Amino acid sequence: MVSVIGATPHLAGADRRALAEPDRLLTDSLAEGLVRLDAAGQVEAGVAERWIVTDEGRSYIFRLREARWSDGQRLTAAQVVAALKRQTSARADNRLAPFLTAVSSIVEMTPEVIEIELARPRPDLLKLFAQPELALVRERPRPAGGAGPMRLRPGHAAGQLLTPALDPERDPDDPAPAAEDNVLLRGERAASAILRFVERQSDLVSGGTLIDWPILRAANPAPVNVRIDPAAGLFGLAVTRRDGFLAEATNRAAVAQAIDRGDLTASVSGDWIARETILPEQLDSAAPPAAPGWAIVLPEQRQSAARARVAAWRARAGAPAPTLRLALPAGAGGTLLWARLARDLAAIGVRAVRVAPDDKAADLRLVDDVAPYDSARWYLARACDDCAEPARDAIEAARLADTLEARASAIAQADRLLTDDIAFIPIARPFRWSLVALRLRQWQANARAFHPLNRLRADTN
């Protein structure tokens, strides 16, 4: 049995703007895309058995395997083209659509081959196409289904029973999938999922974040079962209002340097890595990650320097102590984060008020997202909630760049402008955890923090 933290999983439909983790796991199992993610978070074959990248990353040619929909009908290149066009359209309700604007055409070359042509080179495109948001789902006839590695067996009261799909190219002499390869998937609250695992009624709890971490620690499972992903992505505060105290970049910098990142991450786990830059590494930028100006201040002097800045602003503006509204998620982990941030802001003379994640009046909002692929543009675009126009222009220039060199240069400029603007306050990398039974030998921690259900025990399809 596998528990994923969240609501009951559903197969992705047309709207893929905000697929919850249970939906992503189920969709990846039932309806893979051209390619998919393996246990290590790397790209492997999906409905495409092989592919080539030509024209300096402007053309991707995929040869399809003999895949079949869940109802047994053969999957065709024409169906793949139609589905991908819907999901990559500028009008698509897909969270990845803004990062697929380089796609200029998707065409059927033969009944088994399709080509995706790009207006601009994107050698890193495959990891985007491996995401569950680009899985191929056929909604008609009902019930909706895909051509993924597993099939849904309806009618199971305890959850959604998934069984390995039969490989049409399997050697008849090879053993058929065994009952132990089945997965009973259920979405549930973190407390229920953790308790079920501790009582040895499940083999995996997936989808854990900082929000649920205090519940896990209270349950005190065996340390060998607690696994933490080296997740790539953003965890920090986006500036959502640039008025009052936050109207000035120097004041935003004071807030950024007031946060004791090392103390926060150490209070959670020694495996949680603090971060002061938007980019985790150089990636496809022409320069190393831009460091904020306040980073040169010694950690033990940062709060005193920030406190002096707040005092100077109050004296000049004739204003009381500034108040900032922080939009943070509910839950025990959200409270842990709130306590640390409120303490650090109080230390520099700023009053913090906690508000709901969707509060439109928030001044700062938590961003906690795993990167779908390794491009600096994703980080910059996601961090630019309300950034200044020069930074937005540089991010757009990176999107439209005709060459990889021009793109790298624009990304480096955007990184520097966004960092100097203090439009986003990095805190750490995303914190993702799982509870894993020792018999799930294929489970691997990875940067995508994603763990396919057909890559847990046996090598199923």
Protein backbone atom coordinates (compact mmCIF):
# COMPACT_ATOMS: atom_id res chain seq x y z
CA MET A 1 0.00 0.00 0.00
CA VAL A 2 1.14 3.54 -0.81
CA SER A 3 -0.17 6.63 0.97
CA VAL A 4 0.29 10.03 -0.66
CA ILE A 5 -0.37 13.10 1.45
CA GLY A 6 -3.39 14.95 0.11
CA ALA A 7 -6.86 14.31 -1.25
CA THR A 8 -8.09 11.29 -3.21
CA PRO A 9 -6.02 11.07 -6.43
CA HIS A 10 -7.66 11.83 -9.78
CA LEU A 11 -6.45 11.32 -13.33
CA ALA A 12 -5.49 14.66 -14.87
CA GLY A 13 -8.07 16.26 -17.14
CA ALA A 14 -7.79 19.26 -19.40
CA ASP A 15 -6.95 21.60 -16.50
CA ARG A 16 -3.42 20.88 -15.33
CA ARG A 17 -2.61 24.25 -13.86
CA ALA A 18 -2.23 22.97 -10.32
CA LEU A 19 -2.11 19.19 -10.15
CA ALA A 20 -1.81 18.06 -6.54
CA GLU A 21 0.81 15.45 -5.72
CA PRO A 22 -1.75 12.60 -5.49
CA ASP A 23 -3.03 13.53 -8.98
CA ARG A 24 0.50 13.64 -10.38
CA LEU A 25 1.33 10.17 -9.03
CA LEU A 26 -1.85 8.59 -10.35
CA THR A 27 -1.56 10.33 -13.73
CA ASP A 28 2.06 9.26 -14.13
CA SER A 29 1.04 5.67 -13.44
CA LEU A 30 -1.96 5.51 -15.76
CA ALA A 31 -0.97 7.91 -18.53
CA GLU A 32 2.69 8.50 -19.29
CA GLY A 33 3.90 11.03 -21.84
CA LEU A 34 6.42 10.71 -24.66
CA VAL A 35 9.01 10.30 -21.93
CA ARG A 36 8.76 9.99 -18.18
CA LEU A 37 10.86 10.13 -15.02
CA ASP A 38 12.54 7.03 -13.65
CA ALA A 39 13.28 6.25 -10.00
CA ALA A 40 16.33 8.54 -10.03
CA GLY A 41 14.39 11.48 -11.52
CA GLN A 42 16.05 11.04 -14.93
CA VAL A 43 14.34 10.86 -18.31
CA GLU A 44 13.39 7.41 -19.60
CA ALA A 45 11.24 6.15 -22.45
CA GLY A 46 7.48 6.58 -22.22
CA VAL A 47 5.23 6.02 -25.23
CA ALA A 48 8.30 7.00 -27.28
CA GLU A 49 10.78 4.14 -27.39
CA ARG A 50 13.59 6.35 -28.71
CA TRP A 51 14.29 9.88 -29.93
CA ILE A 52 16.90 12.12 -31.48
CA VAL A 53 17.61 15.82 -31.00
CA THR A 54 18.86 17.71 -34.06
CA ASP A 55 19.38 21.23 -35.38
CA GLU A 56 21.16 22.37 -32.18
CA GLY A 57 18.18 21.56 -30.01
CA ARG A 58 15.47 22.90 -32.35
CA SER A 59 14.06 19.55 -33.50
CA TYR A 60 12.99 16.51 -31.47
CA ILE A 61 11.99 13.38 -33.38
CA PHE A 62 10.26 10.58 -31.44
CA ARG A 63 9.57 7.02 -32.55
CA LEU A 64 6.57 5.59 -30.71
CA ARG A 65 6.49 2.10 -29.25
CA GLU A 66 3.53 -0.20 -29.70
CA ALA A 67 1.56 1.37 -26.88
CA ARG A 68 -2.09 0.76 -26.09
CA TRP A 69 -4.70 2.81 -24.28
CA SER A 70 -6.28 1.39 -21.16
CA ASP A 71 -9.19 0.02 -23.23
CA GLY A 72 -6.80 -1.97 -25.44
CA GLN A 73 -6.96 0.33 -28.47
CA ARG A 74 -3.64 1.10 -30.11
CA LEU A 75 -2.18 4.54 -29.50
CA THR A 76 -1.43 6.43 -32.72
CA ALA A 77 0.87 9.29 -33.64
CA ALA A 78 -2.13 11.40 -34.65
CA GLN A 79 -3.59 11.02 -31.14
CA VAL A 80 -0.28 11.96 -29.55
CA VAL A 81 0.01 15.06 -31.73
CA ALA A 82 -3.51 16.20 -30.89
CA ALA A 83 -3.03 15.69 -27.16
CA LEU A 84 0.32 17.51 -27.06
CA LYS A 85 -1.02 20.43 -29.08
CA ARG A 86 -3.79 20.89 -26.52
CA GLN A 87 -1.40 20.85 -23.58
CA THR A 88 1.35 23.04 -25.09
CA SER A 89 -0.97 25.72 -26.47
CA ALA A 90 -0.60 29.21 -25.04
CA ARG A 91 -4.25 28.87 -23.97
CA ALA A 92 -3.71 25.56 -22.18
CA ASP A 93 -4.54 25.28 -18.47
CA ASN A 94 -1.18 23.67 -17.83
CA ARG A 95 1.38 25.00 -15.35
CA LEU A 96 4.18 24.11 -17.78
CA ALA A 97 2.69 25.95 -20.78
CA PRO A 98 4.66 29.19 -20.06
CA PHE A 99 7.88 27.20 -20.44
CA LEU A 100 6.86 25.57 -23.72
CA THR A 101 6.41 28.70 -25.82
CA ALA A 102 9.39 27.73 -28.00
CA VAL A 103 7.33 24.87 -29.47
CA SER A 104 6.40 26.00 -32.98
CA SER A 105 4.90 22.80 -34.41
CA ILE A 106 4.04 19.22 -33.51
CA VAL A 107 3.51 17.03 -36.57
CA GLU A 108 2.94 13.40 -37.47
CA MET A 109 5.72 12.26 -39.78
CA THR A 110 4.55 8.63 -40.03
CA PRO A 111 2.03 6.57 -38.01
CA GLU A 112 4.90 5.78 -35.61
CA VAL A 113 6.97 8.99 -35.69
CA ILE A 114 6.27 12.55 -34.59
CA GLU A 115 8.44 15.66 -34.69
CA ILE A 116 8.40 18.63 -32.35
CA GLU A 117 9.97 21.71 -33.91
CA LEU A 118 11.12 24.65 -31.83
CA ALA A 119 11.44 28.29 -32.77
CA ARG A 120 14.39 28.55 -30.40
CA PRO A 121 16.88 25.90 -29.20
CA ARG A 122 15.92 24.09 -26.00
CA PRO A 123 18.24 21.14 -25.35
CA ASP A 124 16.69 20.71 -21.87
CA LEU A 125 13.13 20.16 -23.12
CA LEU A 126 12.87 16.44 -22.35
CA LYS A 127 12.55 16.87 -18.59
CA LEU A 128 9.53 19.08 -19.17
CA PHE A 129 7.92 16.47 -21.39
CA ALA A 130 8.59 13.86 -18.68
CA GLN A 131 6.37 15.66 -16.17
CA PRO A 132 2.89 14.22 -15.38
CA GLU A 133 1.40 17.52 -16.57
CA LEU A 134 2.28 16.43 -20.13
CA ALA A 135 1.03 12.85 -19.80
CA LEU A 136 -1.21 11.66 -22.63
CA VAL A 137 -4.80 11.21 -21.48
CA ARG A 138 -7.66 10.15 -23.72
CA GLU A 139 -10.91 11.38 -22.20
CA ARG A 140 -13.22 9.66 -24.70
CA PRO A 141 -14.62 7.08 -24.58
CA ARG A 142 -15.30 6.98 -20.86
CA PRO A 143 -13.75 6.13 -18.53
CA ALA A 144 -10.77 8.33 -19.29
CA GLY A 145 -7.45 6.54 -19.44
CA GLY A 146 -3.91 6.53 -20.72
CA ALA A 147 -1.18 4.25 -21.95
CA GLY A 148 0.91 4.28 -18.80
CA PRO A 149 2.71 1.43 -17.08
CA MET A 150 -0.22 0.62 -14.78
CA ARG A 151 -3.96 0.06 -15.03
CA LEU A 152 -6.72 0.98 -12.59
CA ARG A 153 -8.84 -1.86 -11.24
CA PRO A 154 -12.10 -0.28 -10.02
CA GLY A 155 -14.15 -1.29 -7.03
CA HIS A 156 -11.51 -1.47 -4.30
CA ALA A 157 -12.89 0.09 -1.13
CA ALA A 158 -9.54 0.78 0.55
CA GLY A 159 -8.09 2.89 -2.25
CA GLN A 160 -7.23 2.78 -5.93
CA LEU A 161 -5.78 -0.56 -6.98
CA LEU A 162 -3.16 -0.27 -9.73
CA THR A 163 -1.82 -3.30 -11.55
CA PRO A 164 1.05 -3.46 -14.07
CA ALA A 165 -0.10 -3.14 -17.68
CA LEU A 166 0.79 -6.08 -19.86
CA ASP A 167 3.64 -5.23 -22.21
CA PRO A 168 2.49 -6.06 -25.77
CA GLU A 169 6.10 -6.80 -26.67
CA ARG A 170 6.66 -9.12 -23.68
CA ASP A 171 8.17 -12.51 -24.46
CA PRO A 172 5.43 -15.12 -23.81
CA ASP A 173 7.97 -17.16 -21.87
CA ASP A 174 8.64 -14.30 -19.44
CA PRO A 175 6.70 -14.43 -16.16
CA ALA A 176 3.58 -12.28 -16.01
CA PRO A 177 3.35 -9.51 -13.38
CA ALA A 178 2.76 -10.91 -9.90
CA ALA A 179 0.25 -9.73 -7.30
CA GLU A 180 3.10 -8.25 -5.27
CA ASP A 181 3.68 -5.76 -8.09
CA ASN A 182 0.22 -4.24 -7.56
CA VAL A 183 -0.03 -0.89 -5.78
CA LEU A 184 -2.95 0.15 -3.58
CA LEU A 185 -2.87 3.95 -3.68
CA ARG A 186 -4.71 6.20 -1.30
CA GLY A 187 -4.62 9.93 -0.62
CA GLU A 188 -4.96 10.90 3.03
CA ARG A 189 -3.97 13.35 5.74
CA ALA A 190 -0.36 13.27 6.86
CA ALA A 191 -1.22 12.07 10.37
CA SER A 192 -3.23 9.12 9.05
CA ALA A 193 -0.57 8.21 6.47
CA ILE A 194 2.25 8.32 9.02
CA LEU A 195 0.30 6.29 11.57
CA ARG A 196 -0.55 3.68 8.93
CA PHE A 197 3.14 3.34 8.04
CA VAL A 198 4.31 3.15 11.66
CA GLU A 199 1.78 0.37 12.26
CA ARG A 200 3.18 -1.46 9.19
CA GLN A 201 -0.04 -1.20 7.22
CA SER A 202 1.65 0.56 4.28
CA ASP A 203 5.01 0.49 2.52
CA LEU A 204 5.38 4.12 1.46
CA VAL A 205 4.28 7.60 2.46
CA SER A 206 4.96 10.06 -0.36
CA GLY A 207 4.49 13.80 -0.80
CA GLY A 208 5.80 14.97 2.56
CA THR A 209 6.80 18.64 2.95
CA LEU A 210 7.90 20.96 5.73
CA ILE A 211 4.23 21.48 6.61
CA ASP A 212 3.89 17.88 7.83
CA TRP A 213 7.40 17.36 9.19
CA PRO A 214 6.59 18.07 12.87
CA ILE A 215 3.90 15.35 12.72
CA LEU A 216 6.48 12.90 11.41
CA ARG A 217 8.94 13.77 14.17
CA ALA A 218 6.23 13.31 16.82
CA ALA A 219 5.45 9.84 15.44
CA ASN A 220 9.16 8.93 15.71
CA PRO A 221 9.42 6.30 12.96
CA ALA A 222 12.61 4.31 12.54
CA PRO A 223 15.28 6.68 11.13
CA VAL A 224 16.20 4.15 8.42
CA ASN A 225 12.72 4.62 6.91
CA VAL A 226 12.88 8.42 6.75
CA ARG A 227 14.19 9.57 3.38
CA ILE A 228 14.76 13.18 2.33
CA ASP A 229 15.04 14.25 -1.31
CA PRO A 230 17.77 16.66 -2.50
CA ALA A 231 14.95 18.62 -4.10
CA ALA A 232 15.82 21.33 -6.63
CA GLY A 233 13.57 24.37 -6.65
CA LEU A 234 12.55 27.45 -4.69
CA PHE A 235 11.70 27.90 -1.03
CA GLY A 236 11.48 31.53 -0.02
CA LEU A 237 9.34 34.63 0.22
CA ALA A 238 8.06 36.45 -2.85
CA VAL A 239 7.47 40.17 -2.40
CA THR A 240 3.84 40.66 -3.43
CA ARG A 241 3.36 44.30 -2.42
CA ARG A 242 5.90 47.05 -3.04
CA ASP A 243 4.47 49.87 -0.97
CA GLY A 244 5.15 51.29 2.48
CA PHE A 245 8.25 49.80 4.05
CA LEU A 246 8.78 47.38 1.16
CA ALA A 247 8.76 50.12 -1.48
CA GLU A 248 12.55 50.51 -1.12
CA ALA A 249 14.98 47.78 -2.17
CA THR A 250 17.21 48.52 0.83
CA ASN A 251 14.31 47.78 3.17
CA ARG A 252 13.54 44.55 1.35
CA ALA A 253 17.22 43.69 1.74
CA ALA A 254 16.92 44.30 5.48
CA VAL A 255 14.13 41.73 5.68
CA ALA A 256 16.19 39.25 3.64
CA GLN A 257 19.30 39.53 5.78
CA ALA A 258 17.35 39.37 9.04
CA ILE A 259 16.36 35.74 8.46
CA ASP A 260 18.62 33.29 10.26
CA ARG A 261 18.57 30.58 7.59
CA GLY A 262 21.04 28.30 9.30
CA ASP A 263 19.05 28.27 12.53
CA LEU A 264 15.78 27.59 10.66
CA THR A 265 17.09 24.69 8.58
CA ALA A 266 19.04 23.15 11.47
CA SER A 267 15.88 23.17 13.60
CA VAL A 268 14.22 20.97 10.99
CA SER A 269 16.90 18.62 9.63
CA GLY A 270 20.61 18.48 9.00
CA ASP A 271 19.71 17.46 5.44
CA TRP A 272 17.89 20.74 4.74
CA ILE A 273 20.20 23.13 2.91
CA ALA A 274 19.90 26.91 3.37
CA ARG A 275 20.23 29.18 0.36
CA GLU A 276 20.94 32.88 -0.17
CA THR A 277 20.74 32.97 -3.97
CA ILE A 278 17.78 32.47 -6.31
CA LEU A 279 19.68 30.05 -8.55
CA PRO A 280 21.04 26.93 -6.82
CA GLU A 281 23.93 26.75 -9.28
CA GLN A 282 24.91 28.22 -12.63
CA LEU A 283 22.67 25.88 -14.69
CA ASP A 284 22.22 27.44 -18.17
CA SER A 285 23.23 30.95 -17.12
CA ALA A 286 26.34 32.65 -18.45
CA ALA A 287 27.44 33.46 -14.90
CA PRO A 288 27.42 31.88 -11.44
CA PRO A 289 24.36 32.66 -9.27
CA ALA A 290 24.12 36.35 -8.38
CA ALA A 291 24.72 36.95 -4.68
CA PRO A 292 22.74 39.70 -2.92
CA GLY A 293 24.66 42.67 -1.60
CA TRP A 294 23.77 41.89 2.00
CA ALA A 295 25.45 38.45 1.71
CA ILE A 296 28.87 40.04 2.30
CA VAL A 297 27.82 41.01 5.83
CA LEU A 298 28.95 38.48 8.43
CA PRO A 299 26.02 36.35 9.65
CA GLU A 300 26.41 37.52 13.25
CA GLN A 301 26.21 41.17 12.13
CA ARG A 302 23.27 40.90 9.75
CA GLN A 303 20.44 41.49 12.19
CA SER A 304 22.11 44.51 13.75
CA ALA A 305 22.69 46.03 10.29
CA ALA A 306 19.08 45.33 9.33
CA ARG A 307 17.84 46.84 12.62
CA ALA A 308 19.79 50.02 11.91
CA ARG A 309 18.19 50.23 8.46
CA VAL A 310 14.68 49.87 9.91
CA ALA A 311 15.42 52.56 12.51
CA ALA A 312 16.74 54.93 9.82
CA TRP A 313 13.62 54.42 7.69
CA ARG A 314 11.32 55.09 10.65
CA ALA A 315 13.20 58.28 11.54
CA ARG A 316 13.10 59.55 7.98
CA ALA A 317 9.47 58.60 7.34
CA GLY A 318 8.23 59.50 10.83
CA ALA A 319 6.50 56.13 10.87
CA PRO A 320 5.81 53.54 13.56
CA ALA A 321 7.37 50.10 13.42
CA PRO A 322 6.50 48.56 10.05
CA THR A 323 4.05 45.67 9.87
CA LEU A 324 4.41 42.94 7.26
CA ARG A 325 1.74 40.38 6.41
CA LEU A 326 3.23 36.93 5.72
CA ALA A 327 1.13 34.46 3.71
CA LEU A 328 2.08 31.03 5.01
CA PRO A 329 0.38 27.62 4.81
CA ALA A 330 -1.55 26.20 7.73
CA GLY A 331 -0.27 23.19 9.61
CA ALA A 332 2.37 22.43 12.19
CA GLY A 333 5.25 23.06 9.79
CA GLY A 334 3.75 26.37 8.76
CA THR A 335 3.63 27.36 12.41
CA LEU A 336 7.25 26.32 12.89
CA LEU A 337 8.27 28.48 9.94
CA TRP A 338 6.11 31.37 11.16
CA ALA A 339 7.66 31.30 14.63
CA ARG A 340 11.19 31.57 13.24
CA LEU A 341 10.37 34.30 10.73
CA ALA A 342 8.35 36.36 13.22
CA ARG A 343 11.19 36.12 15.76
CA ASP A 344 13.82 37.23 13.23
CA LEU A 345 11.71 40.14 11.98
CA ALA A 346 10.92 41.26 15.53
CA ALA A 347 14.65 41.34 16.20
CA ILE A 348 15.06 44.13 13.61
CA GLY A 349 11.97 46.09 14.67
CA VAL A 350 9.44 44.71 12.17
CA ARG A 351 6.09 43.36 13.31
CA ALA A 352 4.94 40.26 11.41
CA VAL A 353 1.33 39.17 10.96
CA ARG A 354 0.47 35.71 9.68
CA VAL A 355 -2.23 35.54 7.00
CA ALA A 356 -3.70 32.76 4.86
CA PRO A 357 -1.79 31.60 1.75
CA ASP A 358 -4.41 33.15 -0.57
CA ASP A 359 -4.72 36.47 1.25
CA LYS A 360 -4.55 39.15 -1.46
CA ALA A 361 -3.33 41.75 1.05
CA ALA A 362 -0.18 39.78 1.91
CA ASP A 363 3.16 41.59 1.64
CA LEU A 364 5.25 38.42 1.46
CA ARG A 365 4.10 35.01 0.26
CA LEU A 366 5.82 31.65 0.69
CA VAL A 367 6.91 29.95 -2.53
CA ASP A 368 7.66 26.25 -2.08
CA ASP A 369 8.04 24.63 -5.50
CA VAL A 370 10.17 21.83 -6.93
CA ALA A 371 11.69 22.75 -10.30
CA PRO A 372 10.32 20.62 -13.16
CA TYR A 373 13.57 20.91 -15.09
CA ASP A 374 17.07 22.34 -14.75
CA SER A 375 16.77 25.74 -16.38
CA ALA A 376 17.62 29.00 -14.66
CA ARG A 377 14.71 30.65 -16.47
CA TRP A 378 12.23 28.58 -14.47
CA TYR A 379 13.74 29.86 -11.21
CA LEU A 380 13.74 33.48 -12.35
CA ALA A 381 10.24 33.43 -13.84
CA ARG A 382 8.82 31.74 -10.73
CA ALA A 383 10.60 34.18 -8.40
CA CYS A 384 9.39 37.24 -10.32
CA ASP A 385 6.01 37.65 -8.64
CA ASP A 386 6.07 41.46 -8.56
CA CYS A 387 9.58 42.26 -9.74
CA ALA A 388 10.71 45.47 -11.40
CA GLU A 389 10.29 45.99 -15.13
CA PRO A 390 13.99 45.66 -16.07
CA ALA A 391 14.11 42.20 -14.48
CA ARG A 392 10.88 41.16 -16.23
CA ASP A 393 12.28 42.39 -19.55
CA ALA A 394 15.48 40.38 -19.07
CA ILE A 395 13.51 37.22 -18.25
CA GLU A 396 11.45 37.76 -21.39
CA ALA A 397 14.64 38.31 -23.41
CA ALA A 398 15.89 34.93 -22.16
CA ARG A 399 12.67 33.30 -23.33
CA LEU A 400 12.94 34.82 -26.81
CA ALA A 401 16.69 34.39 -27.31
CA ASP A 402 17.54 32.80 -30.68
CA THR A 403 20.79 31.18 -29.56
CA LEU A 404 21.92 29.38 -26.43
CA GLU A 405 24.65 31.99 -25.94
CA ALA A 406 22.18 34.87 -26.09
CA ARG A 407 19.84 32.98 -23.75
CA ALA A 408 22.60 32.36 -21.21
CA SER A 409 23.60 36.02 -21.30
CA ALA A 410 20.00 37.21 -20.81
CA ILE A 411 19.52 34.76 -17.94
CA ALA A 412 22.65 36.05 -16.19
CA GLN A 413 21.42 39.63 -16.56
CA ALA A 414 17.95 38.71 -15.29
CA ASP A 415 19.47 36.92 -12.29
CA ARG A 416 21.51 39.98 -11.36
CA LEU A 417 18.59 42.40 -11.84
CA LEU A 418 16.16 40.24 -9.88
CA THR A 419 18.68 39.74 -7.08
CA ASP A 420 19.43 43.47 -6.83
CA ASP A 421 15.70 44.24 -6.87
CA ILE A 422 15.12 41.91 -3.87
CA ALA A 423 11.84 40.78 -5.40
CA PHE A 424 12.35 37.30 -3.94
CA ILE A 425 13.95 36.30 -0.65
CA PRO A 426 15.56 32.84 -0.91
CA ILE A 427 15.62 30.80 2.28
CA ALA A 428 16.45 27.19 1.41
CA ARG A 429 15.83 24.48 -1.13
CA PRO A 430 12.40 22.80 -1.01
CA PHE A 431 12.07 20.27 1.81
CA ARG A 432 10.57 16.94 0.67
CA TRP A 433 10.44 13.70 2.63
CA SER A 434 9.07 10.16 2.35
CA LEU A 435 8.65 7.14 4.60
CA VAL A 436 9.99 4.10 2.74
CA ALA A 437 9.85 0.43 3.68
CA LEU A 438 13.18 -1.31 3.21
CA ARG A 439 11.70 -3.78 0.74
CA LEU A 440 11.08 -0.96 -1.77
CA ARG A 441 14.58 -1.35 -3.12
CA GLN A 442 14.10 0.71 -6.27
CA TRP A 443 13.03 3.86 -4.43
CA GLN A 444 15.68 6.57 -4.86
CA ALA A 445 15.97 10.10 -3.50
CA ASN A 446 16.20 12.55 -6.39
CA ALA A 447 16.19 16.23 -7.33
CA ARG A 448 12.66 16.11 -8.77
CA ALA A 449 11.31 14.65 -5.49
CA PHE A 450 9.11 12.39 -7.61
CA HIS A 451 8.82 8.64 -7.17
CA PRO A 452 6.97 6.66 -9.87
CA LEU A 453 4.79 3.88 -8.53
CA ASN A 454 6.10 1.42 -11.13
CA ARG A 455 9.65 1.95 -9.88
CA LEU A 456 9.30 0.79 -6.29
CA ARG A 457 9.93 -2.97 -6.27
CA ALA A 458 9.91 -4.73 -9.63
CA ASP A 459 10.84 -3.27 -13.01
CA THR A 460 7.30 -2.99 -14.39
CA ASN A 461 7.20 -1.72 -17.97
